[in-house]
Amino acid sequence: MLRMPGCLLKLTRVLQSHKPWALFILIVGFVSFAYIKLYWGIWEDPKSRGPTHGLSAEINCAHYVPSPLNIAAGPSPSTGNVFFVETSEQTSPSYLFSCSVESAARTHPAARVVVLMKGLAKGNASLPKHWAFSLLSCFPNVEIQPLDLTELFSGTPLAQWFLQPQHHQEPDFLPVLSDACRIVLMWKFGGIYLDTDFIVLRNLQNLTNA
């Protein structure tokens, strides 16, 4: 008959005599392990990850967008521009990014929903092969275009500010640049500017240059 080693026997007796502390240590250990796994999952290099599962790069519009947009029914009160801007070099839109643009396209069927992305190479006729671009291309009122910052700021009151190189070295330049793009887009074209984490639930026809 096998006998339990002495060290395990002593450990078992200690755990039985200190059940609350043993339970506390187990909980702390489990939470620490889960935190470490979550931390490395968040900060893992995206390039080292495998392909995103669930959606293929080629989207069947009839399946994922079953209700066609009623563009031909005539203009709605919300005709105009709805802008989204990505000022980083990111060219792989997240689920939230895609849902935000899709929600704007659905609630503003007669408006141009323009997505400007700095990471897209200017003059490249084809978008990167990504499920988000394939999905958003199902909406005829969505336009995904490269963001040329020099061209965007040209001829605006913020042109001189943008051309000053010292601003580009500031630690908070990216969020400031996004705010500046919002101002310039409204100044040049008018319409509505939305952040890429907004989900639009209703038509924003009552907003002008916002």
N, C-alpha and C. Protein backbone atom coordinates (compact mmCIF):
# COMPACT_ATOMS: atom_id res chain seq x y z
N MET A 1 0.84 -1.20 0.00
CA MET A 1 0.00 0.00 0.00
C MET A 1 0.88 1.25 0.00
N LEU A 2 0.56 2.16 -0.90
CA LEU A 2 1.36 3.38 -1.00
C LEU A 2 1.04 4.31 0.16
N ARG A 3 2.10 4.90 0.71
CA ARG A 3 1.93 5.85 1.80
C ARG A 3 2.23 7.25 1.31
N MET A 4 1.49 8.22 1.84
CA MET A 4 1.70 9.61 1.46
C MET A 4 3.03 10.09 2.01
N PRO A 5 3.84 10.77 1.20
CA PRO A 5 5.11 11.30 1.69
C PRO A 5 4.91 12.19 2.90
N GLY A 6 5.92 12.23 3.76
CA GLY A 6 5.81 12.98 5.00
C GLY A 6 5.54 14.46 4.80
N CYS A 7 6.19 15.06 3.76
CA CYS A 7 6.00 16.50 3.53
C CYS A 7 4.57 16.80 3.13
N LEU A 8 3.98 15.93 2.28
CA LEU A 8 2.60 16.15 1.87
C LEU A 8 1.64 15.95 3.03
N LEU A 9 1.97 14.99 3.88
CA LEU A 9 1.12 14.74 5.05
C LEU A 9 1.11 15.94 5.98
N LYS A 10 2.30 16.52 6.20
CA LYS A 10 2.39 17.71 7.06
C LYS A 10 1.64 18.89 6.43
N LEU A 11 1.79 19.04 5.10
CA LEU A 11 1.11 20.14 4.41
C LEU A 11 -0.40 19.99 4.52
N THR A 12 -0.89 18.76 4.39
CA THR A 12 -2.33 18.51 4.50
C THR A 12 -2.85 18.87 5.88
N ARG A 13 -2.07 18.51 6.91
CA ARG A 13 -2.49 18.83 8.28
C ARG A 13 -2.51 20.33 8.52
N VAL A 14 -1.51 21.03 7.96
CA VAL A 14 -1.46 22.49 8.12
C VAL A 14 -2.65 23.14 7.44
N LEU A 15 -2.97 22.68 6.23
CA LEU A 15 -4.10 23.26 5.50
C LEU A 15 -5.41 23.01 6.23
N GLN A 16 -5.56 21.83 6.81
CA GLN A 16 -6.79 21.52 7.53
C GLN A 16 -6.94 22.36 8.79
N SER A 17 -5.81 22.68 9.40
CA SER A 17 -5.88 23.47 10.64
C SER A 17 -5.95 24.97 10.38
N HIS A 18 -5.68 25.37 9.16
CA HIS A 18 -5.73 26.80 8.81
C HIS A 18 -6.55 26.98 7.53
N LYS A 19 -7.76 26.51 7.54
CA LYS A 19 -8.59 26.54 6.34
C LYS A 19 -8.83 27.95 5.80
N PRO A 20 -9.16 28.94 6.65
CA PRO A 20 -9.39 30.29 6.09
C PRO A 20 -8.16 30.85 5.38
N TRP A 21 -6.98 30.68 6.02
CA TRP A 21 -5.77 31.20 5.39
C TRP A 21 -5.43 30.43 4.11
N ALA A 22 -5.65 29.13 4.14
CA ALA A 22 -5.37 28.33 2.95
C ALA A 22 -6.27 28.76 1.79
N LEU A 23 -7.54 29.00 2.09
CA LEU A 23 -8.47 29.45 1.06
C LEU A 23 -8.07 30.82 0.52
N PHE A 24 -7.63 31.69 1.43
CA PHE A 24 -7.20 33.03 1.02
C PHE A 24 -5.99 32.96 0.09
N ILE A 25 -5.03 32.10 0.45
CA ILE A 25 -3.83 31.97 -0.39
C ILE A 25 -4.18 31.42 -1.76
N LEU A 26 -5.09 30.44 -1.80
CA LEU A 26 -5.50 29.88 -3.08
C LEU A 26 -6.18 30.92 -3.96
N ILE A 27 -7.04 31.74 -3.35
CA ILE A 27 -7.74 32.78 -4.12
C ILE A 27 -6.75 33.80 -4.66
N VAL A 28 -5.81 34.24 -3.80
CA VAL A 28 -4.81 35.21 -4.24
C VAL A 28 -3.97 34.64 -5.37
N GLY A 29 -3.59 33.38 -5.25
CA GLY A 29 -2.79 32.75 -6.29
C GLY A 29 -3.54 32.67 -7.61
N PHE A 30 -4.82 32.31 -7.54
CA PHE A 30 -5.63 32.20 -8.75
C PHE A 30 -5.81 33.57 -9.41
N VAL A 31 -6.13 34.59 -8.60
CA VAL A 31 -6.32 35.93 -9.15
C VAL A 31 -5.03 36.45 -9.78
N SER A 32 -3.90 36.19 -9.12
CA SER A 32 -2.61 36.63 -9.67
C SER A 32 -2.33 35.96 -11.00
N PHE A 33 -2.60 34.67 -11.07
CA PHE A 33 -2.38 33.94 -12.32
C PHE A 33 -3.27 34.48 -13.44
N ALA A 34 -4.54 34.73 -13.11
CA ALA A 34 -5.47 35.26 -14.12
C ALA A 34 -5.04 36.65 -14.57
N TYR A 35 -4.56 37.47 -13.64
CA TYR A 35 -4.12 38.82 -14.00
C TYR A 35 -2.92 38.78 -14.93
N ILE A 36 -1.97 37.88 -14.63
CA ILE A 36 -0.78 37.78 -15.48
C ILE A 36 -1.16 37.33 -16.88
N LYS A 37 -2.07 36.35 -16.98
CA LYS A 37 -2.50 35.89 -18.29
C LYS A 37 -3.21 37.00 -19.06
N LEU A 38 -4.06 37.76 -18.36
CA LEU A 38 -4.77 38.86 -19.01
C LEU A 38 -3.80 39.94 -19.44
N TYR A 39 -2.81 40.25 -18.59
CA TYR A 39 -1.83 41.29 -18.91
C TYR A 39 -1.07 40.94 -20.17
N TRP A 40 -0.57 39.73 -20.25
CA TRP A 40 0.20 39.33 -21.42
C TRP A 40 -0.69 39.21 -22.65
N GLY A 41 -1.96 38.90 -22.43
CA GLY A 41 -2.87 38.83 -23.58
C GLY A 41 -3.13 40.20 -24.18
N ILE A 42 -3.18 41.24 -23.31
CA ILE A 42 -3.43 42.60 -23.79
C ILE A 42 -2.21 43.18 -24.46
N TRP A 43 -1.03 42.96 -23.85
CA TRP A 43 0.18 43.60 -24.34
C TRP A 43 0.97 42.75 -25.32
N GLU A 44 0.43 41.63 -25.69
CA GLU A 44 1.11 40.78 -26.66
C GLU A 44 1.23 41.49 -27.99
N ASP A 45 2.33 41.30 -28.66
CA ASP A 45 2.55 41.91 -29.97
C ASP A 45 1.50 41.40 -30.94
N PRO A 46 0.69 42.32 -31.54
CA PRO A 46 -0.35 41.87 -32.47
C PRO A 46 0.20 41.05 -33.62
N LYS A 47 1.47 41.31 -34.04
CA LYS A 47 2.02 40.60 -35.17
C LYS A 47 2.26 39.13 -34.85
N SER A 48 2.42 38.84 -33.54
CA SER A 48 2.68 37.45 -33.16
C SER A 48 1.41 36.65 -32.98
N ARG A 49 0.27 37.31 -33.04
CA ARG A 49 -0.99 36.61 -32.88
C ARG A 49 -1.40 35.95 -34.19
N GLY A 50 -2.20 34.94 -34.06
CA GLY A 50 -2.72 34.28 -35.24
C GLY A 50 -3.83 35.09 -35.85
N PRO A 51 -4.42 34.63 -36.93
CA PRO A 51 -5.50 35.37 -37.58
C PRO A 51 -6.73 35.43 -36.70
N THR A 52 -7.48 36.52 -36.85
CA THR A 52 -8.70 36.69 -36.07
C THR A 52 -9.74 35.67 -36.50
N HIS A 53 -10.31 34.98 -35.54
CA HIS A 53 -11.29 33.94 -35.85
C HIS A 53 -12.69 34.53 -35.79
N GLY A 54 -13.60 33.92 -36.48
CA GLY A 54 -14.99 34.33 -36.43
C GLY A 54 -15.45 34.98 -37.71
N LEU A 55 -14.64 35.83 -38.30
CA LEU A 55 -14.98 36.49 -39.55
C LEU A 55 -13.84 36.32 -40.54
N SER A 56 -14.18 35.96 -41.75
CA SER A 56 -13.15 35.82 -42.78
C SER A 56 -12.89 37.18 -43.41
N ALA A 57 -11.80 37.25 -44.16
CA ALA A 57 -11.44 38.52 -44.80
C ALA A 57 -12.45 38.91 -45.87
N GLU A 58 -13.15 37.92 -46.43
CA GLU A 58 -14.17 38.19 -47.44
C GLU A 58 -15.55 38.03 -46.81
N ILE A 59 -16.31 39.11 -46.79
CA ILE A 59 -17.62 39.12 -46.14
C ILE A 59 -18.72 38.97 -47.18
N ASN A 60 -19.67 38.10 -46.88
CA ASN A 60 -20.86 37.96 -47.72
C ASN A 60 -21.87 39.03 -47.29
N CYS A 61 -22.02 40.05 -48.11
CA CYS A 61 -22.87 41.18 -47.73
C CYS A 61 -24.31 40.76 -47.48
N ALA A 62 -24.80 39.83 -48.27
CA ALA A 62 -26.19 39.40 -48.11
C ALA A 62 -26.41 38.71 -46.77
N HIS A 63 -25.33 38.13 -46.22
CA HIS A 63 -25.46 37.42 -44.94
C HIS A 63 -25.30 38.37 -43.76
N TYR A 64 -24.28 39.23 -43.81
CA TYR A 64 -23.99 40.10 -42.67
C TYR A 64 -24.76 41.42 -42.72
N VAL A 65 -25.22 41.81 -43.90
CA VAL A 65 -26.02 43.03 -44.03
C VAL A 65 -27.32 42.65 -44.73
N PRO A 66 -28.22 41.96 -44.02
CA PRO A 66 -29.42 41.42 -44.66
C PRO A 66 -30.41 42.47 -45.11
N SER A 67 -30.45 43.63 -44.42
CA SER A 67 -31.41 44.66 -44.80
C SER A 67 -30.72 45.72 -45.63
N PRO A 68 -31.02 45.82 -46.93
CA PRO A 68 -30.34 46.80 -47.78
C PRO A 68 -30.67 48.22 -47.37
N LEU A 69 -29.71 49.10 -47.55
CA LEU A 69 -29.92 50.51 -47.23
C LEU A 69 -30.83 51.14 -48.27
N ASN A 70 -31.77 51.90 -47.80
CA ASN A 70 -32.78 52.48 -48.70
C ASN A 70 -32.26 53.81 -49.24
N ILE A 71 -31.22 53.74 -50.07
CA ILE A 71 -30.62 54.95 -50.60
C ILE A 71 -31.51 55.60 -51.65
N ALA A 72 -32.18 54.78 -52.44
CA ALA A 72 -32.96 55.31 -53.56
C ALA A 72 -34.31 55.86 -53.15
N ALA A 73 -34.64 55.78 -51.88
CA ALA A 73 -35.96 56.22 -51.45
C ALA A 73 -36.06 57.74 -51.34
N GLY A 74 -34.97 58.43 -51.58
CA GLY A 74 -35.01 59.88 -51.48
C GLY A 74 -34.18 60.35 -50.30
N PRO A 75 -33.80 61.61 -50.31
CA PRO A 75 -32.92 62.13 -49.26
C PRO A 75 -33.62 62.17 -47.91
N SER A 76 -32.86 61.90 -46.88
CA SER A 76 -33.39 61.99 -45.53
C SER A 76 -32.97 63.33 -44.94
N PRO A 77 -33.54 63.72 -43.81
CA PRO A 77 -33.16 65.01 -43.22
C PRO A 77 -31.70 65.08 -42.80
N SER A 78 -30.97 63.95 -42.81
CA SER A 78 -29.61 63.95 -42.30
C SER A 78 -28.56 63.97 -43.40
N THR A 79 -28.93 64.38 -44.62
CA THR A 79 -27.95 64.39 -45.70
C THR A 79 -26.77 65.27 -45.31
N GLY A 80 -25.58 64.81 -45.61
CA GLY A 80 -24.38 65.54 -45.24
C GLY A 80 -23.24 64.56 -45.07
N ASN A 81 -22.27 64.94 -44.27
CA ASN A 81 -21.09 64.13 -44.05
C ASN A 81 -21.01 63.67 -42.60
N VAL A 82 -20.61 62.43 -42.42
CA VAL A 82 -20.28 61.90 -41.10
C VAL A 82 -18.83 61.42 -41.19
N PHE A 83 -17.97 61.98 -40.35
CA PHE A 83 -16.54 61.71 -40.45
C PHE A 83 -16.04 60.86 -39.28
N PHE A 84 -15.16 59.93 -39.61
CA PHE A 84 -14.36 59.21 -38.63
C PHE A 84 -12.89 59.39 -39.04
N VAL A 85 -12.02 59.56 -38.06
CA VAL A 85 -10.61 59.79 -38.36
C VAL A 85 -9.75 58.86 -37.52
N GLU A 86 -8.80 58.20 -38.18
CA GLU A 86 -7.80 57.38 -37.49
C GLU A 86 -6.44 58.02 -37.76
N THR A 87 -5.89 58.71 -36.76
CA THR A 87 -4.65 59.46 -36.96
C THR A 87 -3.40 58.63 -36.69
N SER A 88 -3.56 57.40 -36.21
CA SER A 88 -2.40 56.52 -36.04
C SER A 88 -2.15 55.77 -37.35
N GLU A 89 -1.15 54.91 -37.34
CA GLU A 89 -0.84 54.12 -38.54
C GLU A 89 -1.64 52.82 -38.59
N GLN A 90 -2.61 52.68 -37.72
CA GLN A 90 -3.41 51.46 -37.64
C GLN A 90 -4.19 51.22 -38.93
N THR A 91 -4.08 50.02 -39.47
CA THR A 91 -4.84 49.65 -40.67
C THR A 91 -5.63 48.36 -40.46
N SER A 92 -5.78 47.96 -39.20
CA SER A 92 -6.58 46.78 -38.87
C SER A 92 -7.67 47.20 -37.90
N PRO A 93 -8.79 47.69 -38.41
CA PRO A 93 -9.85 48.19 -37.53
C PRO A 93 -10.33 47.14 -36.54
N SER A 94 -10.62 47.59 -35.34
CA SER A 94 -11.12 46.69 -34.31
C SER A 94 -12.61 46.45 -34.51
N TYR A 95 -13.16 45.54 -33.70
CA TYR A 95 -14.60 45.29 -33.75
C TYR A 95 -15.37 46.56 -33.39
N LEU A 96 -14.91 47.28 -32.36
CA LEU A 96 -15.60 48.49 -31.94
C LEU A 96 -15.55 49.55 -33.03
N PHE A 97 -14.40 49.71 -33.65
CA PHE A 97 -14.25 50.65 -34.77
C PHE A 97 -15.26 50.33 -35.87
N SER A 98 -15.33 49.07 -36.25
CA SER A 98 -16.23 48.65 -37.33
C SER A 98 -17.69 48.85 -36.95
N CYS A 99 -18.03 48.50 -35.71
CA CYS A 99 -19.42 48.68 -35.26
C CYS A 99 -19.80 50.15 -35.24
N SER A 100 -18.86 51.00 -34.88
CA SER A 100 -19.13 52.43 -34.84
C SER A 100 -19.45 52.97 -36.23
N VAL A 101 -18.63 52.60 -37.21
CA VAL A 101 -18.87 53.07 -38.58
C VAL A 101 -20.16 52.47 -39.13
N GLU A 102 -20.38 51.19 -38.87
CA GLU A 102 -21.60 50.54 -39.36
C GLU A 102 -22.85 51.19 -38.77
N SER A 103 -22.80 51.51 -37.48
CA SER A 103 -23.97 52.13 -36.85
C SER A 103 -24.27 53.49 -37.46
N ALA A 104 -23.21 54.24 -37.79
CA ALA A 104 -23.41 55.54 -38.43
C ALA A 104 -23.99 55.38 -39.83
N ALA A 105 -23.52 54.37 -40.55
CA ALA A 105 -24.02 54.13 -41.91
C ALA A 105 -25.49 53.73 -41.89
N ARG A 106 -25.88 52.94 -40.93
CA ARG A 106 -27.27 52.48 -40.85
C ARG A 106 -28.22 53.60 -40.43
N THR A 107 -27.78 54.44 -39.51
CA THR A 107 -28.66 55.50 -39.02
C THR A 107 -28.66 56.74 -39.90
N HIS A 108 -27.70 56.82 -40.84
CA HIS A 108 -27.63 57.95 -41.76
C HIS A 108 -27.50 57.43 -43.20
N PRO A 109 -28.52 56.77 -43.71
CA PRO A 109 -28.40 56.10 -45.02
C PRO A 109 -28.19 57.05 -46.18
N ALA A 110 -28.57 58.31 -46.05
CA ALA A 110 -28.41 59.25 -47.16
C ALA A 110 -27.19 60.14 -46.99
N ALA A 111 -26.41 59.92 -45.94
CA ALA A 111 -25.22 60.73 -45.70
C ALA A 111 -23.97 59.98 -46.17
N ARG A 112 -22.93 60.73 -46.46
CA ARG A 112 -21.62 60.14 -46.75
C ARG A 112 -20.91 59.88 -45.43
N VAL A 113 -20.63 58.63 -45.16
CA VAL A 113 -19.89 58.26 -43.96
C VAL A 113 -18.44 58.05 -44.39
N VAL A 114 -17.60 59.02 -44.07
CA VAL A 114 -16.23 59.05 -44.56
C VAL A 114 -15.27 58.63 -43.45
N VAL A 115 -14.50 57.59 -43.72
CA VAL A 115 -13.50 57.10 -42.77
C VAL A 115 -12.12 57.46 -43.31
N LEU A 116 -11.41 58.32 -42.61
CA LEU A 116 -10.08 58.76 -43.04
C LEU A 116 -9.03 58.07 -42.17
N MET A 117 -8.11 57.35 -42.81
CA MET A 117 -7.11 56.58 -42.08
C MET A 117 -5.71 56.96 -42.55
N LYS A 118 -4.90 57.39 -41.61
CA LYS A 118 -3.54 57.83 -41.93
C LYS A 118 -2.67 56.67 -42.42
N GLY A 119 -2.96 55.47 -41.96
CA GLY A 119 -2.13 54.33 -42.31
C GLY A 119 -2.29 53.83 -43.73
N LEU A 120 -3.34 54.27 -44.42
CA LEU A 120 -3.56 53.82 -45.79
C LEU A 120 -2.65 54.58 -46.75
N ALA A 121 -2.01 53.87 -47.62
CA ALA A 121 -1.10 54.50 -48.59
C ALA A 121 -1.92 55.28 -49.60
N LYS A 122 -1.56 56.53 -49.79
CA LYS A 122 -2.29 57.37 -50.74
C LYS A 122 -2.05 56.87 -52.16
N GLY A 123 -3.11 56.79 -52.93
CA GLY A 123 -3.00 56.35 -54.31
C GLY A 123 -3.18 54.85 -54.48
N ASN A 124 -3.25 54.10 -53.38
CA ASN A 124 -3.46 52.66 -53.47
C ASN A 124 -4.95 52.40 -53.65
N ALA A 125 -5.31 51.84 -54.78
CA ALA A 125 -6.72 51.67 -55.11
C ALA A 125 -7.39 50.60 -54.26
N SER A 126 -6.64 49.64 -53.78
CA SER A 126 -7.23 48.54 -53.02
C SER A 126 -6.92 48.68 -51.53
N LEU A 127 -7.91 48.35 -50.71
CA LEU A 127 -7.74 48.39 -49.26
C LEU A 127 -7.05 47.12 -48.79
N PRO A 128 -6.42 47.15 -47.61
CA PRO A 128 -5.84 45.92 -47.07
C PRO A 128 -6.90 44.83 -46.93
N LYS A 129 -6.48 43.59 -47.07
CA LYS A 129 -7.41 42.47 -46.97
C LYS A 129 -7.73 42.22 -45.50
N HIS A 130 -8.84 42.75 -45.07
CA HIS A 130 -9.23 42.66 -43.66
C HIS A 130 -10.75 42.57 -43.61
N TRP A 131 -11.26 41.78 -42.68
CA TRP A 131 -12.70 41.56 -42.62
C TRP A 131 -13.47 42.86 -42.40
N ALA A 132 -12.89 43.81 -41.67
CA ALA A 132 -13.60 45.06 -41.38
C ALA A 132 -13.83 45.87 -42.66
N PHE A 133 -12.81 45.96 -43.50
CA PHE A 133 -12.96 46.69 -44.75
C PHE A 133 -13.97 45.99 -45.66
N SER A 134 -13.93 44.67 -45.66
CA SER A 134 -14.87 43.91 -46.48
C SER A 134 -16.30 44.13 -46.00
N LEU A 135 -16.49 44.14 -44.69
CA LEU A 135 -17.83 44.35 -44.13
C LEU A 135 -18.33 45.75 -44.43
N LEU A 136 -17.50 46.76 -44.19
CA LEU A 136 -17.93 48.14 -44.38
C LEU A 136 -18.17 48.48 -45.85
N SER A 137 -17.52 47.74 -46.74
CA SER A 137 -17.74 47.98 -48.17
C SER A 137 -19.14 47.54 -48.61
N CYS A 138 -19.83 46.80 -47.75
CA CYS A 138 -21.21 46.41 -48.06
C CYS A 138 -22.16 47.59 -47.99
N PHE A 139 -21.74 48.66 -47.35
CA PHE A 139 -22.59 49.84 -47.19
C PHE A 139 -22.20 50.86 -48.26
N PRO A 140 -23.10 51.16 -49.18
CA PRO A 140 -22.75 52.05 -50.29
C PRO A 140 -22.46 53.48 -49.88
N ASN A 141 -22.86 53.88 -48.68
CA ASN A 141 -22.61 55.25 -48.25
C ASN A 141 -21.34 55.39 -47.41
N VAL A 142 -20.57 54.30 -47.27
CA VAL A 142 -19.31 54.35 -46.52
C VAL A 142 -18.15 54.51 -47.49
N GLU A 143 -17.31 55.50 -47.22
CA GLU A 143 -16.11 55.74 -48.01
C GLU A 143 -14.89 55.67 -47.10
N ILE A 144 -13.95 54.80 -47.42
CA ILE A 144 -12.72 54.66 -46.65
C ILE A 144 -11.59 55.24 -47.49
N GLN A 145 -10.96 56.30 -46.97
CA GLN A 145 -9.97 57.04 -47.74
C GLN A 145 -8.71 57.25 -46.92
N PRO A 146 -7.57 57.42 -47.60
CA PRO A 146 -6.33 57.74 -46.87
C PRO A 146 -6.40 59.16 -46.30
N LEU A 147 -5.77 59.34 -45.17
CA LEU A 147 -5.75 60.65 -44.52
C LEU A 147 -4.42 61.33 -44.82
N ASP A 148 -4.46 62.33 -45.66
CA ASP A 148 -3.29 63.15 -45.97
C ASP A 148 -3.36 64.39 -45.09
N LEU A 149 -2.60 64.40 -44.02
CA LEU A 149 -2.71 65.48 -43.05
C LEU A 149 -2.28 66.83 -43.63
N THR A 150 -1.23 66.83 -44.43
CA THR A 150 -0.77 68.08 -45.03
C THR A 150 -1.86 68.68 -45.91
N GLU A 151 -2.49 67.84 -46.70
CA GLU A 151 -3.56 68.31 -47.57
C GLU A 151 -4.77 68.75 -46.77
N LEU A 152 -5.07 68.02 -45.70
CA LEU A 152 -6.24 68.35 -44.88
C LEU A 152 -6.08 69.72 -44.23
N PHE A 153 -4.90 70.00 -43.68
CA PHE A 153 -4.70 71.26 -42.96
C PHE A 153 -4.40 72.43 -43.88
N SER A 154 -4.08 72.14 -45.13
CA SER A 154 -3.74 73.20 -46.07
C SER A 154 -4.91 74.17 -46.25
N GLY A 155 -4.59 75.46 -46.17
CA GLY A 155 -5.61 76.49 -46.39
C GLY A 155 -6.55 76.70 -45.23
N THR A 156 -6.20 76.19 -44.06
CA THR A 156 -7.06 76.35 -42.89
C THR A 156 -6.33 77.19 -41.83
N PRO A 157 -7.06 77.71 -40.85
CA PRO A 157 -6.40 78.49 -39.79
C PRO A 157 -5.38 77.69 -38.98
N LEU A 158 -5.44 76.36 -39.04
CA LEU A 158 -4.51 75.53 -38.28
C LEU A 158 -3.33 75.05 -39.11
N ALA A 159 -3.19 75.55 -40.32
CA ALA A 159 -2.11 75.09 -41.20
C ALA A 159 -0.74 75.40 -40.61
N GLN A 160 -0.56 76.62 -40.11
CA GLN A 160 0.72 77.00 -39.54
C GLN A 160 1.05 76.18 -38.29
N TRP A 161 0.04 75.93 -37.49
CA TRP A 161 0.25 75.10 -36.29
C TRP A 161 0.73 73.71 -36.67
N PHE A 162 0.10 73.11 -37.68
CA PHE A 162 0.47 71.75 -38.07
C PHE A 162 1.88 71.68 -38.65
N LEU A 163 2.30 72.72 -39.34
CA LEU A 163 3.60 72.71 -39.99
C LEU A 163 4.76 72.96 -39.03
N GLN A 164 4.47 73.29 -37.79
CA GLN A 164 5.54 73.51 -36.81
C GLN A 164 5.99 72.16 -36.26
N PRO A 165 7.23 71.74 -36.57
CA PRO A 165 7.67 70.37 -36.23
C PRO A 165 7.75 70.10 -34.73
N GLN A 166 7.92 71.14 -33.91
CA GLN A 166 8.05 70.88 -32.48
C GLN A 166 6.78 70.29 -31.88
N HIS A 167 5.63 70.60 -32.50
CA HIS A 167 4.38 70.05 -31.99
C HIS A 167 4.34 68.53 -32.16
N HIS A 168 4.97 68.02 -33.21
CA HIS A 168 4.91 66.59 -33.50
C HIS A 168 5.69 65.76 -32.49
N GLN A 169 6.54 66.41 -31.70
CA GLN A 169 7.34 65.69 -30.71
C GLN A 169 6.69 65.69 -29.33
N GLU A 170 5.58 66.37 -29.19
CA GLU A 170 4.92 66.44 -27.89
C GLU A 170 4.32 65.08 -27.53
N PRO A 171 4.35 64.72 -26.24
CA PRO A 171 3.86 63.39 -25.84
C PRO A 171 2.38 63.17 -26.11
N ASP A 172 1.59 64.24 -26.07
CA ASP A 172 0.14 64.12 -26.28
C ASP A 172 -0.26 64.60 -27.67
N PHE A 173 0.66 64.49 -28.62
CA PHE A 173 0.38 65.05 -29.95
C PHE A 173 -0.76 64.32 -30.65
N LEU A 174 -0.83 62.99 -30.50
CA LEU A 174 -1.82 62.22 -31.24
C LEU A 174 -3.26 62.60 -30.88
N PRO A 175 -3.63 62.67 -29.59
CA PRO A 175 -5.00 63.11 -29.29
C PRO A 175 -5.25 64.56 -29.67
N VAL A 176 -4.22 65.41 -29.54
CA VAL A 176 -4.37 66.80 -29.96
C VAL A 176 -4.58 66.87 -31.47
N LEU A 177 -3.84 66.05 -32.20
CA LEU A 177 -3.99 66.01 -33.66
C LEU A 177 -5.40 65.57 -34.05
N SER A 178 -5.95 64.61 -33.33
CA SER A 178 -7.31 64.15 -33.62
C SER A 178 -8.31 65.28 -33.42
N ASP A 179 -8.14 66.05 -32.35
CA ASP A 179 -9.03 67.19 -32.11
C ASP A 179 -8.87 68.24 -33.21
N ALA A 180 -7.63 68.46 -33.64
CA ALA A 180 -7.39 69.44 -34.70
C ALA A 180 -8.03 68.98 -36.01
N CYS A 181 -7.95 67.69 -36.30
CA CYS A 181 -8.59 67.16 -37.51
C CYS A 181 -10.10 67.36 -37.45
N ARG A 182 -10.67 67.18 -36.29
CA ARG A 182 -12.11 67.39 -36.13
C ARG A 182 -12.49 68.83 -36.47
N ILE A 183 -11.71 69.78 -35.93
CA ILE A 183 -12.01 71.19 -36.18
C ILE A 183 -11.87 71.52 -37.66
N VAL A 184 -10.79 71.02 -38.28
CA VAL A 184 -10.54 71.32 -39.69
C VAL A 184 -11.61 70.71 -40.59
N LEU A 185 -12.01 69.48 -40.30
CA LEU A 185 -13.05 68.84 -41.11
C LEU A 185 -14.36 69.60 -41.04
N MET A 186 -14.73 70.05 -39.85
CA MET A 186 -15.96 70.82 -39.71
C MET A 186 -15.83 72.17 -40.40
N TRP A 187 -14.64 72.76 -40.33
CA TRP A 187 -14.40 74.07 -40.95
C TRP A 187 -14.45 73.97 -42.47
N LYS A 188 -13.91 72.88 -43.01
CA LYS A 188 -13.84 72.72 -44.46
C LYS A 188 -15.13 72.17 -45.07
N PHE A 189 -15.68 71.14 -44.44
CA PHE A 189 -16.76 70.40 -45.08
C PHE A 189 -18.08 70.44 -44.32
N GLY A 190 -18.03 70.68 -43.03
CA GLY A 190 -19.25 70.63 -42.24
C GLY A 190 -19.72 69.19 -42.04
N GLY A 191 -20.74 69.03 -41.24
CA GLY A 191 -21.28 67.70 -41.00
C GLY A 191 -21.14 67.29 -39.55
N ILE A 192 -20.84 66.02 -39.34
CA ILE A 192 -20.75 65.45 -37.99
C ILE A 192 -19.45 64.67 -37.87
N TYR A 193 -18.75 64.86 -36.78
CA TYR A 193 -17.54 64.10 -36.49
C TYR A 193 -17.83 63.15 -35.34
N LEU A 194 -17.46 61.89 -35.50
CA LEU A 194 -17.67 60.90 -34.45
C LEU A 194 -16.36 60.20 -34.13
N ASP A 195 -16.13 59.94 -32.86
CA ASP A 195 -14.99 59.12 -32.47
C ASP A 195 -15.26 57.66 -32.85
N THR A 196 -14.20 56.90 -32.99
CA THR A 196 -14.34 55.52 -33.46
C THR A 196 -14.78 54.56 -32.37
N ASP A 197 -15.17 55.08 -31.21
CA ASP A 197 -15.74 54.22 -30.17
C ASP A 197 -17.18 54.61 -29.87
N PHE A 198 -17.79 55.38 -30.77
CA PHE A 198 -19.19 55.77 -30.62
C PHE A 198 -20.09 54.78 -31.35
N ILE A 199 -21.15 54.36 -30.71
CA ILE A 199 -22.17 53.55 -31.37
C ILE A 199 -23.41 54.43 -31.52
N VAL A 200 -23.81 54.67 -32.75
CA VAL A 200 -24.93 55.58 -33.03
C VAL A 200 -26.23 54.78 -33.01
N LEU A 201 -27.15 55.18 -32.16
CA LEU A 201 -28.41 54.47 -32.01
C LEU A 201 -29.56 55.16 -32.73
N ARG A 202 -29.39 56.44 -33.03
CA ARG A 202 -30.46 57.16 -33.72
C ARG A 202 -29.85 58.21 -34.65
N ASN A 203 -30.66 58.69 -35.55
CA ASN A 203 -30.22 59.70 -36.50
C ASN A 203 -29.85 61.00 -35.78
N LEU A 204 -28.72 61.57 -36.16
CA LEU A 204 -28.24 62.80 -35.53
C LEU A 204 -28.58 64.02 -36.38
N GLN A 205 -29.77 64.02 -36.95
CA GLN A 205 -30.17 65.07 -37.88
C GLN A 205 -30.25 66.44 -37.21
N ASN A 206 -30.38 66.47 -35.90
CA ASN A 206 -30.50 67.76 -35.22
C ASN A 206 -29.15 68.41 -34.95
N LEU A 207 -28.04 67.74 -35.29
CA LEU A 207 -26.71 68.30 -35.06
C LEU A 207 -26.17 68.88 -36.36
N THR A 208 -25.52 70.01 -36.25
CA THR A 208 -24.91 70.66 -37.41
C THR A 208 -23.49 71.06 -37.06
N ASN A 209 -22.54 70.62 -37.89
CA ASN A 209 -21.13 70.94 -37.66
C ASN A 209 -20.72 70.62 -36.23
N ALA A 210 -20.98 69.37 -35.84
CA ALA A 210 -20.72 68.96 -34.46
C ALA A 210 -19.77 67.78 -34.42
